[in-house]
PDB file of N, CA and C in Angstrom:
ATOM      1  N   MET A   1     -12.948  20.158  27.231  1.00  0.00           N
ATOM      2  CA  MET A   1     -13.154  18.768  26.983  1.00  0.00           C
ATOM      3  C   MET A   1     -12.039  18.091  26.059  1.00  0.00           C
ATOM      4  N   THR A   2     -11.655  17.014  26.456  1.00  0.00           N
ATOM      5  CA  THR A   2     -10.503  16.325  25.541  1.00  0.00           C
ATOM      6  C   THR A   2     -11.234  15.153  24.884  1.00  0.00           C
ATOM      7  N   LYS A   3     -10.810  15.023  23.759  1.00  0.00           N
ATOM      8  CA  LYS A   3     -11.362  13.784  22.953  1.00  0.00           C
ATOM      9  C   LYS A   3     -10.349  12.695  23.122  1.00  0.00           C
ATOM     10  N   ARG A   4     -10.768  11.396  23.515  1.00  0.00           N
ATOM     11  CA  ARG A   4      -9.724  10.432  23.663  1.00  0.00           C
ATOM     12  C   ARG A   4      -9.545   9.791  22.326  1.00  0.00           C
ATOM     13  N   THR A   5      -8.462   9.005  22.215  1.00  0.00           N
ATOM     14  CA  THR A   5      -8.136   8.297  20.949  1.00  0.00           C
ATOM     15  C   THR A   5      -9.104   7.147  20.796  1.00  0.00           C
ATOM     16  N   ASN A   6      -9.649   7.076  19.554  1.00  0.00           N
ATOM     17  CA  ASN A   6     -10.538   5.961  19.299  1.00  0.00           C
ATOM     18  C   ASN A   6      -9.659   4.683  18.793  1.00  0.00           C
ATOM     19  N   LYS A   7      -9.558   3.751  19.722  1.00  0.00           N
ATOM     20  CA  LYS A   7      -8.607   2.652  19.512  1.00  0.00           C
ATOM     21  C   LYS A   7      -9.046   1.772  18.396  1.00  0.00           C
ATOM     22  N   GLU A   8     -10.376   1.508  18.154  1.00  0.00           N
ATOM     23  CA  GLU A   8     -10.694   0.809  17.123  1.00  0.00           C
ATOM     24  C   GLU A   8     -10.295   1.331  15.639  1.00  0.00           C
ATOM     25  N   VAL A   9     -10.517   2.632  15.581  1.00  0.00           N
ATOM     26  CA  VAL A   9     -10.113   3.401  14.242  1.00  0.00           C
ATOM     27  C   VAL A   9      -8.618   3.444  14.106  1.00  0.00           C
ATOM     28  N   LEU A  10      -7.926   3.463  15.285  1.00  0.00           N
ATOM     29  CA  LEU A  10      -6.504   3.471  15.171  1.00  0.00           C
ATOM     30  C   LEU A  10      -6.018   2.227  14.711  1.00  0.00           C
ATOM     31  N   ALA A  11      -6.561   1.116  15.115  1.00  0.00           N
ATOM     32  CA  ALA A  11      -6.201  -0.274  14.842  1.00  0.00           C
ATOM     33  C   ALA A  11      -6.409  -0.442  13.331  1.00  0.00           C
ATOM     34  N   LYS A  12      -7.499   0.056  12.753  1.00  0.00           N
ATOM     35  CA  LYS A  12      -7.685  -0.066  11.430  1.00  0.00           C
ATOM     36  C   LYS A  12      -6.774   0.711  10.536  1.00  0.00           C
ATOM     37  N   GLY A  13      -6.299   1.836  10.985  1.00  0.00           N
ATOM     38  CA  GLY A  13      -5.305   2.606  10.366  1.00  0.00           C
ATOM     39  C   GLY A  13      -3.943   1.814  10.313  1.00  0.00           C
ATOM     40  N   ILE A  14      -3.659   1.337  11.425  1.00  0.00           N
ATOM     41  CA  ILE A  14      -2.466   0.584  11.426  1.00  0.00           C
ATOM     42  C   ILE A  14      -2.371  -0.521  10.673  1.00  0.00           C
ATOM     43  N   LYS A  15      -3.497  -1.286  10.520  1.00  0.00           N
ATOM     44  CA  LYS A  15      -3.646  -2.407   9.595  1.00  0.00           C
ATOM     45  C   LYS A  15      -3.459  -1.912   8.090  1.00  0.00           C
ATOM     46  N   LEU A  16      -4.108  -0.752   7.767  1.00  0.00           N
ATOM     47  CA  LEU A  16      -3.894  -0.131   6.471  1.00  0.00           C
ATOM     48  C   LEU A  16      -2.528   0.074   6.219  1.00  0.00           C
ATOM     49  N   MET A  17      -1.770   0.702   7.102  1.00  0.00           N
ATOM     50  CA  MET A  17      -0.421   1.082   6.909  1.00  0.00           C
ATOM     51  C   MET A  17       0.401  -0.143   6.700  1.00  0.00           C
ATOM     52  N   ALA A  18       0.188  -1.354   7.516  1.00  0.00           N
ATOM     53  CA  ALA A  18       0.921  -2.557   7.386  1.00  0.00           C
ATOM     54  C   ALA A  18       0.621  -3.060   5.918  1.00  0.00           C
ATOM     55  N   GLY A  19      -0.502  -3.094   5.512  1.00  0.00           N
ATOM     56  CA  GLY A  19      -0.757  -3.525   4.054  1.00  0.00           C
ATOM     57  C   GLY A  19       0.035  -2.702   3.082  1.00  0.00           C
ATOM     58  N   SER A  20       0.073  -1.444   3.303  1.00  0.00           N
ATOM     59  CA  SER A  20       0.855  -0.476   2.531  1.00  0.00           C
ATOM     60  C   SER A  20       2.319  -0.861   2.490  1.00  0.00           C
ATOM     61  N   LEU A  21       2.808  -1.266   3.711  1.00  0.00           N
ATOM     62  CA  LEU A  21       4.156  -1.609   3.776  1.00  0.00           C
ATOM     63  C   LEU A  21       4.575  -2.817   2.972  1.00  0.00           C
ATOM     64  N   VAL A  22       3.610  -3.825   2.974  1.00  0.00           N
ATOM     65  CA  VAL A  22       3.809  -5.040   2.152  1.00  0.00           C
ATOM     66  C   VAL A  22       3.770  -4.702   0.647  1.00  0.00           C
ATOM     67  N   CYS A  23       2.848  -3.850   0.312  1.00  0.00           N
ATOM     68  CA  CYS A  23       2.908  -3.500  -1.070  1.00  0.00           C
ATOM     69  C   CYS A  23       4.041  -2.615  -1.536  1.00  0.00           C
ATOM     70  N   MET A  24       4.555  -1.807  -0.527  1.00  0.00           N
ATOM     71  CA  MET A  24       5.752  -1.022  -0.868  1.00  0.00           C
ATOM     72  C   MET A  24       7.020  -1.830  -1.164  1.00  0.00           C
ATOM     73  N   PHE A  25       7.053  -3.041  -0.653  1.00  0.00           N
ATOM     74  CA  PHE A  25       8.092  -3.929  -1.023  1.00  0.00           C
ATOM     75  C   PHE A  25       7.885  -4.828  -2.096  1.00  0.00           C
ATOM     76  N   ALA A  26       6.554  -5.238  -2.273  1.00  0.00           N
ATOM     77  CA  ALA A  26       6.231  -6.121  -3.395  1.00  0.00           C
ATOM     78  C   ALA A  26       6.153  -5.451  -4.747  1.00  0.00           C
ATOM     79  N   GLY A  27       5.655  -4.260  -4.711  1.00  0.00           N
ATOM     80  CA  GLY A  27       5.544  -3.501  -6.068  1.00  0.00           C
ATOM     81  C   GLY A  27       6.879  -3.255  -6.806  1.00  0.00           C
ATOM     82  N   PRO A  28       7.938  -2.884  -6.082  1.00  0.00           N
ATOM     83  CA  PRO A  28       9.105  -2.698  -6.906  1.00  0.00           C
ATOM     84  C   PRO A  28       9.833  -3.992  -7.204  1.00  0.00           C
ATOM     85  N   ILE A  29       9.610  -4.986  -6.462  1.00  0.00           N
ATOM     86  CA  ILE A  29      10.108  -6.349  -6.687  1.00  0.00           C
ATOM     87  C   ILE A  29       9.361  -6.840  -8.010  1.00  0.00           C
ATOM     88  N   ILE A  30       8.021  -6.646  -8.056  1.00  0.00           N
ATOM     89  CA  ILE A  30       7.355  -7.129  -9.246  1.00  0.00           C
ATOM     90  C   ILE A  30       7.809  -6.355 -10.454  1.00  0.00           C
ATOM     91  N   LEU A  31       8.006  -5.136 -10.435  1.00  0.00           N
ATOM     92  CA  LEU A  31       8.365  -4.180 -11.459  1.00  0.00           C
ATOM     93  C   LEU A  31       9.842  -4.511 -11.956  1.00  0.00           C
ATOM     94  N   HIS A  32      10.701  -4.772 -11.003  1.00  0.00           N
ATOM     95  CA  HIS A  32      12.068  -5.176 -11.394  1.00  0.00           C
ATOM     96  C   HIS A  32      12.053  -6.519 -12.143  1.00  0.00           C
ATOM     97  N   SER A  33      11.273  -7.399 -11.717  1.00  0.00           N
ATOM     98  CA  SER A  33      11.060  -8.770 -12.421  1.00  0.00           C
ATOM     99  C   SER A  33      10.537  -8.498 -13.818  1.00  0.00           C
ATOM    100  N   ALA A  34       9.565  -7.691 -14.015  1.00  0.00           N
ATOM    101  CA  ALA A  34       9.069  -7.428 -15.233  1.00  0.00           C
ATOM    102  C   ALA A  34      10.185  -6.807 -16.139  1.00  0.00           C
ATOM    103  N   PHE A  35      10.813  -5.860 -15.725  1.00  0.00           N
ATOM    104  CA  PHE A  35      11.792  -5.124 -16.566  1.00  0.00           C
ATOM    105  C   PHE A  35      12.980  -6.045 -16.815  1.00  0.00           C
ATOM    106  N   LYS A  36      13.269  -7.003 -15.980  1.00  0.00           N
ATOM    107  CA  LYS A  36      14.349  -7.910 -16.344  1.00  0.00           C
ATOM    108  C   LYS A  36      13.973  -8.951 -17.334  1.00  0.00           C
ATOM    109  N   ASN A  37      12.833  -9.213 -17.624  1.00  0.00           N
ATOM    110  CA  ASN A  37      12.264 -10.229 -18.532  1.00  0.00           C
ATOM    111  C   ASN A  37      11.344  -9.526 -19.704  1.00  0.00           C
ATOM    112  N   GLN A  38      11.897  -8.515 -20.237  1.00  0.00           N
ATOM    113  CA  GLN A  38      11.129  -7.839 -21.298  1.00  0.00           C
ATOM    114  C   GLN A  38      10.805  -8.742 -22.531  1.00  0.00           C
ATOM    115  N   GLU A  39      11.630  -9.649 -22.770  1.00  0.00           N
ATOM    116  CA  GLU A  39      11.405 -10.495 -23.946  1.00  0.00           C
ATOM    117  C   GLU A  39      10.327 -11.600 -23.710  1.00  0.00           C
ATOM    118  N   HIS A  40      10.085 -11.753 -22.489  1.00  0.00           N
ATOM    119  CA  HIS A  40       9.016 -12.705 -22.133  1.00  0.00           C
ATOM    120  C   HIS A  40       7.660 -12.492 -22.628  1.00  0.00           C
ATOM    121  N   SER A  41       6.806 -13.508 -22.773  1.00  0.00           N
ATOM    122  CA  SER A  41       5.408 -13.184 -23.224  1.00  0.00           C
ATOM    123  C   SER A  41       4.515 -12.581 -22.225  1.00  0.00           C
ATOM    124  N   LEU A  42       4.868 -12.746 -20.925  1.00  0.00           N
ATOM    125  CA  LEU A  42       4.052 -12.038 -19.898  1.00  0.00           C
ATOM    126  C   LEU A  42       4.566 -10.953 -19.370  1.00  0.00           C
ATOM    127  N   TYR A  43       5.451 -10.120 -20.160  1.00  0.00           N
ATOM    128  CA  TYR A  43       5.968  -8.927 -19.811  1.00  0.00           C
ATOM    129  C   TYR A  43       4.896  -7.854 -19.361  1.00  0.00           C
ATOM    130  N   ILE A  44       4.018  -7.618 -20.295  1.00  0.00           N
ATOM    131  CA  ILE A  44       2.910  -6.715 -20.100  1.00  0.00           C
ATOM    132  C   ILE A  44       2.140  -6.953 -18.902  1.00  0.00           C
ATOM    133  N   PRO A  45       1.474  -8.078 -18.732  1.00  0.00           N
ATOM    134  CA  PRO A  45       0.684  -8.526 -17.539  1.00  0.00           C
ATOM    135  C   PRO A  45       1.456  -8.274 -16.260  1.00  0.00           C
ATOM    136  N   VAL A  46       2.722  -8.670 -16.216  1.00  0.00           N
ATOM    137  CA  VAL A  46       3.438  -8.609 -14.892  1.00  0.00           C
ATOM    138  C   VAL A  46       3.830  -7.095 -14.692  1.00  0.00           C
ATOM    139  N   LEU A  47       4.005  -6.313 -15.753  1.00  0.00           N
ATOM    140  CA  LEU A  47       4.245  -4.863 -15.585  1.00  0.00           C
ATOM    141  C   LEU A  47       3.066  -4.172 -14.960  1.00  0.00           C
ATOM    142  N   ILE A  48       1.812  -4.603 -15.508  1.00  0.00           N
ATOM    143  CA  ILE A  48       0.607  -3.979 -15.090  1.00  0.00           C
ATOM    144  C   ILE A  48       0.347  -4.402 -13.642  1.00  0.00           C
ATOM    145  N   VAL A  49       0.616  -5.579 -13.240  1.00  0.00           N
ATOM    146  CA  VAL A  49       0.508  -5.998 -11.823  1.00  0.00           C
ATOM    147  C   VAL A  49       1.354  -5.215 -10.855  1.00  0.00           C
ATOM    148  N   GLY A  50       2.578  -5.058 -11.319  1.00  0.00           N
ATOM    149  CA  GLY A  50       3.472  -4.355 -10.494  1.00  0.00           C
ATOM    150  C   GLY A  50       3.058  -2.916 -10.471  1.00  0.00           C
ATOM    151  N   LEU A  51       2.646  -2.311 -11.428  1.00  0.00           N
ATOM    152  CA  LEU A  51       2.112  -0.909 -11.362  1.00  0.00           C
ATOM    153  C   LEU A  51       0.905  -0.774 -10.432  1.00  0.00           C
ATOM    154  N   LEU A  52       0.007  -1.636 -10.490  1.00  0.00           N
ATOM    155  CA  LEU A  52      -1.237  -1.748  -9.606  1.00  0.00           C
ATOM    156  C   LEU A  52      -0.840  -1.870  -8.159  1.00  0.00           C
ATOM    157  N   VAL A  53       0.182  -2.782  -7.955  1.00  0.00           N
ATOM    158  CA  VAL A  53       0.570  -3.040  -6.570  1.00  0.00           C
ATOM    159  C   VAL A  53       1.318  -1.747  -6.049  1.00  0.00           C
ATOM    160  N   ALA A  54       2.153  -1.114  -6.855  1.00  0.00           N
ATOM    161  CA  ALA A  54       2.747   0.047  -6.403  1.00  0.00           C
ATOM    162  C   ALA A  54       1.683   1.327  -6.105  1.00  0.00           C
ATOM    163  N   ALA A  55       0.862   1.493  -7.034  1.00  0.00           N
ATOM    164  CA  ALA A  55      -0.374   2.409  -6.833  1.00  0.00           C
ATOM    165  C   ALA A  55      -1.162   2.032  -5.563  1.00  0.00           C
ATOM    166  N   GLY A  56      -1.467   0.774  -5.313  1.00  0.00           N
ATOM    167  CA  GLY A  56      -2.185   0.294  -4.126  1.00  0.00           C
ATOM    168  C   GLY A  56      -1.401   0.636  -2.856  1.00  0.00           C
ATOM    169  N   ALA A  57      -0.116   0.664  -2.929  1.00  0.00           N
ATOM    170  CA  ALA A  57       0.680   0.885  -1.741  1.00  0.00           C
ATOM    171  C   ALA A  57       0.468   2.563  -1.438  1.00  0.00           C
ATOM    172  N   ILE A  58       0.427   3.253  -2.387  1.00  0.00           N
ATOM    173  CA  ILE A  58       0.258   4.737  -2.218  1.00  0.00           C
ATOM    174  C   ILE A  58      -1.067   5.029  -1.578  1.00  0.00           C
ATOM    175  N   ILE A  59      -2.217   4.292  -2.169  1.00  0.00           N
ATOM    176  CA  ILE A  59      -3.644   4.541  -1.819  1.00  0.00           C
ATOM    177  C   ILE A  59      -3.683   4.093  -0.322  1.00  0.00           C
ATOM    178  N   LEU A  60      -3.126   2.787  -0.121  1.00  0.00           N
ATOM    179  CA  LEU A  60      -3.155   2.321   1.346  1.00  0.00           C
ATOM    180  C   LEU A  60      -2.661   3.302   2.290  1.00  0.00           C
ATOM    181  N   ALA A  61      -1.453   3.818   1.905  1.00  0.00           N
ATOM    182  CA  ALA A  61      -0.823   4.730   2.909  1.00  0.00           C
ATOM    183  C   ALA A  61      -1.608   5.820   3.184  1.00  0.00           C
ATOM    184  N   PHE A  62      -2.157   6.525   2.141  1.00  0.00           N
ATOM    185  CA  PHE A  62      -2.982   7.688   2.453  1.00  0.00           C
ATOM    186  C   PHE A  62      -4.209   7.357   3.167  1.00  0.00           C
ATOM    187  N   LYS A  63      -4.891   6.219   2.977  1.00  0.00           N
ATOM    188  CA  LYS A  63      -6.051   5.868   3.633  1.00  0.00           C
ATOM    189  C   LYS A  63      -5.634   5.512   5.087  1.00  0.00           C
ATOM    190  N   GLY A  64      -4.559   4.900   5.336  1.00  0.00           N
ATOM    191  CA  GLY A  64      -4.111   4.437   6.699  1.00  0.00           C
ATOM    192  C   GLY A  64      -3.792   5.724   7.468  1.00  0.00           C
ATOM    193  N   MET A  65      -3.068   6.692   6.880  1.00  0.00           N
ATOM    194  CA  MET A  65      -2.649   7.909   7.595  1.00  0.00           C
ATOM    195  C   MET A  65      -4.065   8.780   7.953  1.00  0.00           C
ATOM    196  N   ARG A  66      -4.895   8.831   6.975  1.00  0.00           N
ATOM    197  CA  ARG A  66      -6.130   9.465   7.318  1.00  0.00           C
ATOM    198  C   ARG A  66      -6.961   8.778   8.405  1.00  0.00           C
ATOM    199  N   LYS A  67      -7.048   7.559   8.430  1.00  0.00           N
ATOM    200  CA  LYS A  67      -7.617   6.857   9.675  1.00  0.00           C
ATOM    201  C   LYS A  67      -6.942   7.225  10.931  1.00  0.00           C
ATOM    202  N   ILE A  68      -5.669   7.142  10.923  1.00  0.00           N
ATOM    203  CA  ILE A  68      -4.824   7.348  12.076  1.00  0.00           C
ATOM    204  C   ILE A  68      -5.234   8.668  12.581  1.00  0.00           C
ATOM    205  N   MET A  69      -5.224   9.635  11.642  1.00  0.00           N
ATOM    206  CA  MET A  69      -5.357  11.046  12.110  1.00  0.00           C
ATOM    207  C   MET A  69      -6.875  11.262  12.574  1.00  0.00           C
ATOM    208  N   ASN A  70      -7.832  10.660  11.989  1.00  0.00           N
ATOM    209  CA  ASN A  70      -9.134  10.679  12.419  1.00  0.00           C
ATOM    210  C   ASN A  70      -9.333  10.091  13.877  1.00  0.00           C
ATOM    211  N   SER A  71      -8.566   9.171  14.213  1.00  0.00           N
ATOM    212  CA  SER A  71      -8.674   8.380  15.535  1.00  0.00           C
ATOM    213  C   SER A  71      -8.035   9.405  16.623  1.00  0.00           C
ATOM    214  N   ILE A  72      -6.929  10.178  16.164  1.00  0.00           N
ATOM    215  CA  ILE A  72      -6.322  10.958  17.128  1.00  0.00           C
ATOM    216  C   ILE A  72      -7.048  12.237  17.412  1.00  0.00           C
ATOM    217  N   PHE A  73      -7.508  12.914  16.395  1.00  0.00           N
ATOM    218  CA  PHE A  73      -8.036  14.313  16.449  1.00  0.00           C
ATOM    219  C   PHE A  73      -9.537  14.177  16.279  1.00  0.00           C
TER     220      PHE A  73
END
């Protein structure tokens, strides 16, 4: 018996990976902006947002990869 690929779960996994790709570019840009403006009053909040976006990219990548693997196997 062969199990066929679940297309709905695969689509959700690809959407998560697309969100991860966006966060992978946005996180370092926000972090670079925060480190360039260390004397600014919003340095800490911008740094925290950048770190959260970067962490979100990692989390979305793992969730997306897990969904893609679940749809295939």
